[in-house]
Amino acid sequence: MRFCEDTPGEPARARAAVAAWREQNPEGTAERLVDALGDQFHPDYGPVLRGALFAIDRDRATGK
């Protein structure tokens, strides 16, 4: 999948899904995240989900 072909709403949907998953799984790993949410997105979307998890964790750590 080429991410330039992605719809504008898809990254926002991924961030929302990852944020909800993180709330329910505060100690969950990126691998478990992709296992849990991967089937809701394009098969190549794993790096996007991991990136969203990193950003969410970073923002929580810095209080943003």
Protein backbone atom coordinates (compact mmCIF):
# COMPACT_ATOMS: atom_id res chain seq x y z
CA MET A 1 0.00 0.00 0.00
CA ARG A 2 1.24 3.45 -0.81
CA PHE A 3 0.31 5.80 1.99
CA CYS A 4 -0.20 8.65 -0.49
CA GLU A 5 -3.21 6.64 -1.71
CA ASP A 6 -4.61 6.60 1.81
CA THR A 7 -7.78 8.50 2.59
CA PRO A 8 -7.35 11.54 4.88
CA GLY A 9 -9.51 9.98 7.57
CA GLU A 10 -7.56 6.74 7.86
CA PRO A 11 -4.63 8.07 9.95
CA ALA A 12 -7.08 9.80 12.30
CA ARG A 13 -9.05 6.57 12.62
CA ALA A 14 -5.82 4.70 13.37
CA ARG A 15 -4.81 7.22 16.07
CA ALA A 16 -8.23 6.97 17.70
CA ALA A 17 -8.16 3.17 17.65
CA VAL A 18 -4.62 3.10 19.09
CA ALA A 19 -5.53 5.60 21.83
CA ALA A 20 -8.54 3.49 22.83
CA TRP A 21 -6.41 0.33 22.79
CA ARG A 22 -3.73 1.98 24.95
CA GLU A 23 -6.37 3.00 27.53
CA GLN A 24 -7.41 -0.64 27.84
CA ASN A 25 -3.85 -2.02 27.61
CA PRO A 26 -1.49 0.34 29.46
CA GLU A 27 1.32 -2.22 29.46
CA GLY A 28 0.64 -3.61 25.97
CA THR A 29 3.40 -3.89 23.41
CA ALA A 30 3.44 -2.66 19.83
CA GLU A 31 3.28 -6.27 18.63
CA ARG A 32 0.13 -6.91 20.66
CA LEU A 33 -1.34 -3.68 19.33
CA VAL A 34 -0.83 -4.76 15.73
CA ASP A 35 -2.22 -8.21 16.54
CA ALA A 36 -5.32 -6.66 18.10
CA LEU A 37 -6.00 -3.88 15.59
CA GLY A 38 -4.24 -4.96 12.43
CA ASP A 39 -7.26 -6.63 10.88
CA GLN A 40 -9.18 -3.31 11.00
CA PHE A 41 -6.69 -1.68 8.63
CA HIS A 42 -4.79 -2.41 5.43
CA PRO A 43 -2.24 -5.23 5.99
CA ASP A 44 0.64 -2.77 5.43
CA TYR A 45 -0.62 -0.39 8.13
CA GLY A 46 1.44 -1.93 10.96
CA PRO A 47 4.12 0.80 10.91
CA VAL A 48 1.43 3.48 11.10
CA LEU A 49 -0.15 1.80 14.11
CA ARG A 50 3.23 1.46 15.82
CA GLY A 51 3.99 5.12 15.07
CA ALA A 52 0.68 6.22 16.53
CA LEU A 53 1.41 4.19 19.67
CA PHE A 54 4.83 5.80 19.98
CA ALA A 55 3.32 9.28 19.63
CA ILE A 56 0.57 8.59 22.15
CA ASP A 57 3.04 7.19 24.69
CA ARG A 58 5.41 10.12 24.12
CA ASP A 59 2.64 12.66 24.57
CA ARG A 60 1.47 11.01 27.78
CA ALA A 61 5.00 10.95 29.15
CA THR A 62 5.47 14.66 28.44
CA GLY A 63 1.99 15.61 29.62
CA LYS A 64 0.68 16.81 26.27
